[in-house]
Amino acid sequence: MSLDDRRKTDRHSLPLEMEFWVDSTRHRGRIEDLGEGGAYVYTGLQWPSGKTIEFSFVLPGSSEPIRGSGTVVWTEYMGFGLRFDTLDEETRQRIRDAVGDPVDSDRRGSGFDQRLRAACGGQSS
């Protein structure tokens, strides 16, 4: 079964800075893709699957951080897949609103891409 088959929600390209805590130690990483159920986090470090972390990140156009806890569900050389475990429905809706439609090479100019460009001061990532 592929990773995409195991995901319960879609992921969307949305690079964001993230702070997270493992065993009370603060780390920084970058969310490479995001969905209401989880994210891929690039850190340059590996964490074991099953590890629980606390996290915080801010969505484009917002000043209110998203905070919660999650579980590392898979890992690779430079990052990990994170399942969000503690987000309430209102927070999940904020993420859905922020990511909108997926962005890929065939969908440039989508509503999400336009919102991302606007949030980044007119520059697309």
Protein backbone atom coordinates (compact mmCIF):
# COMPACT_ATOMS: atom_id res chain seq x y z
CA MET A 1 0.00 0.00 0.00
CA SER A 2 1.47 3.37 -0.97
CA LEU A 3 1.75 6.33 1.39
CA ASP A 4 -0.91 8.18 -0.62
CA ASP A 5 -3.29 5.23 -0.08
CA ARG A 6 -2.72 5.41 3.69
CA ARG A 7 -3.37 9.14 4.01
CA LYS A 8 -6.87 10.06 5.08
CA THR A 9 -6.56 13.64 3.76
CA ASP A 10 -4.82 15.25 0.78
CA ARG A 11 -1.56 17.14 1.18
CA HIS A 12 -0.73 20.38 -0.57
CA SER A 13 2.54 22.16 -1.30
CA LEU A 14 2.84 24.90 1.29
CA PRO A 15 6.35 25.65 2.61
CA LEU A 16 6.15 26.98 6.19
CA GLU A 17 8.57 27.29 9.09
CA MET A 18 7.75 25.03 12.04
CA GLU A 19 9.00 24.82 15.59
CA PHE A 20 8.69 21.51 17.34
CA TRP A 21 9.69 19.97 20.63
CA VAL A 22 11.05 16.46 21.13
CA ASP A 23 11.68 15.38 24.73
CA SER A 24 11.44 19.06 25.85
CA THR A 25 14.11 20.20 23.36
CA ARG A 26 13.13 22.80 20.76
CA HIS A 27 13.93 22.18 17.08
CA ARG A 28 13.13 23.94 13.83
CA GLY A 29 12.03 22.52 10.53
CA ARG A 30 10.18 23.41 7.36
CA ILE A 31 6.81 22.02 6.38
CA GLU A 32 7.09 20.98 2.72
CA ASP A 33 3.51 19.83 2.28
CA LEU A 34 0.51 20.21 4.51
CA GLY A 35 -2.98 18.81 4.95
CA GLU A 36 -5.50 18.91 7.74
CA GLY A 37 -4.32 15.49 8.95
CA GLY A 38 -0.55 15.98 8.83
CA ALA A 39 2.57 17.27 7.13
CA TYR A 40 5.98 16.37 5.76
CA VAL A 41 8.59 18.18 7.85
CA TYR A 42 12.11 18.75 6.48
CA THR A 43 14.56 18.97 9.38
CA GLY A 44 17.89 17.54 8.34
CA LEU A 45 17.41 15.15 11.27
CA GLN A 46 15.75 11.79 11.68
CA TRP A 47 13.21 10.87 14.33
CA PRO A 48 11.98 7.36 15.01
CA SER A 49 8.50 6.38 13.86
CA GLY A 50 6.08 6.51 16.77
CA LYS A 51 7.80 9.50 18.41
CA THR A 52 5.35 12.09 19.80
CA ILE A 53 6.22 15.74 19.22
CA GLU A 54 4.65 19.09 20.09
CA PHE A 55 4.57 21.61 17.23
CA SER A 56 3.73 25.17 16.28
CA PHE A 57 3.47 26.93 12.90
CA VAL A 58 1.70 29.95 11.43
CA LEU A 59 -0.37 29.80 8.24
CA PRO A 60 0.05 32.49 5.57
CA GLY A 61 -2.12 35.52 6.26
CA SER A 62 -2.57 34.62 9.94
CA SER A 63 -0.89 35.75 13.13
CA GLU A 64 -2.40 33.00 15.28
CA PRO A 65 -0.14 29.94 15.53
CA ILE A 66 -1.43 26.42 15.02
CA ARG A 67 -0.26 24.38 18.01
CA GLY A 68 -0.71 20.72 18.76
CA SER A 69 0.89 17.36 19.15
CA GLY A 70 1.49 14.69 16.58
CA THR A 71 3.15 11.39 15.87
CA VAL A 72 6.05 10.68 13.52
CA VAL A 73 4.53 8.10 11.17
CA TRP A 74 7.47 7.63 8.80
CA THR A 75 10.97 8.96 8.49
CA GLU A 76 13.62 9.44 5.85
CA TYR A 77 17.11 10.86 5.72
CA MET A 78 16.15 14.56 5.92
CA GLY A 79 12.70 14.65 7.47
CA PHE A 80 9.56 12.88 8.59
CA GLY A 81 5.86 12.46 8.02
CA LEU A 82 3.84 13.88 10.90
CA ARG A 83 0.25 12.91 11.76
CA PHE A 84 -1.61 15.63 13.66
CA ASP A 85 -3.21 14.03 16.72
CA THR A 86 -4.72 16.90 18.72
CA LEU A 87 -6.16 19.47 16.31
CA ASP A 88 -9.80 20.41 16.82
CA GLU A 89 -12.23 20.82 13.92
CA GLU A 90 -11.90 24.63 13.88
CA THR A 91 -8.12 24.35 13.49
CA ARG A 92 -8.45 21.68 10.79
CA GLN A 93 -10.82 24.04 8.94
CA ARG A 94 -8.22 26.83 9.14
CA ILE A 95 -5.73 24.49 7.46
CA ARG A 96 -8.28 23.47 4.78
CA ASP A 97 -8.99 27.16 4.11
CA ALA A 98 -5.28 27.95 3.83
CA VAL A 99 -4.30 25.11 1.51
CA GLY A 100 -7.32 25.20 -0.80
CA ASP A 101 -6.71 23.30 -4.05
CA PRO A 102 -3.52 21.30 -4.54
CA VAL A 103 -0.75 22.91 -6.53
CA ASP A 104 1.17 20.84 -9.05
CA SER A 105 2.89 21.45 -12.34
CA ASP A 106 -0.40 21.13 -14.25
CA ARG A 107 -2.35 23.56 -12.09
CA ARG A 108 -0.35 26.79 -11.99
CA GLY A 109 -2.64 29.73 -11.44
CA SER A 110 -5.03 27.82 -9.16
CA GLY A 111 -6.74 29.72 -6.38
CA PHE A 112 -4.27 28.31 -3.85
CA ASP A 113 -1.27 29.36 -5.93
CA GLN A 114 -2.68 32.89 -6.18
CA ARG A 115 -3.30 33.03 -2.41
CA LEU A 116 0.22 31.75 -1.74
CA ARG A 117 1.72 34.37 -4.07
CA ALA A 118 -0.29 37.10 -2.32
CA ALA A 119 0.77 35.86 1.14
CA CYS A 120 4.43 35.86 0.02
CA GLY A 121 4.28 39.42 -1.26
CA GLY A 122 3.53 38.56 -4.87
CA GLN A 123 6.31 36.01 -5.27
CA SER A 124 5.46 32.38 -5.96
CA SER A 125 7.52 29.69 -4.26
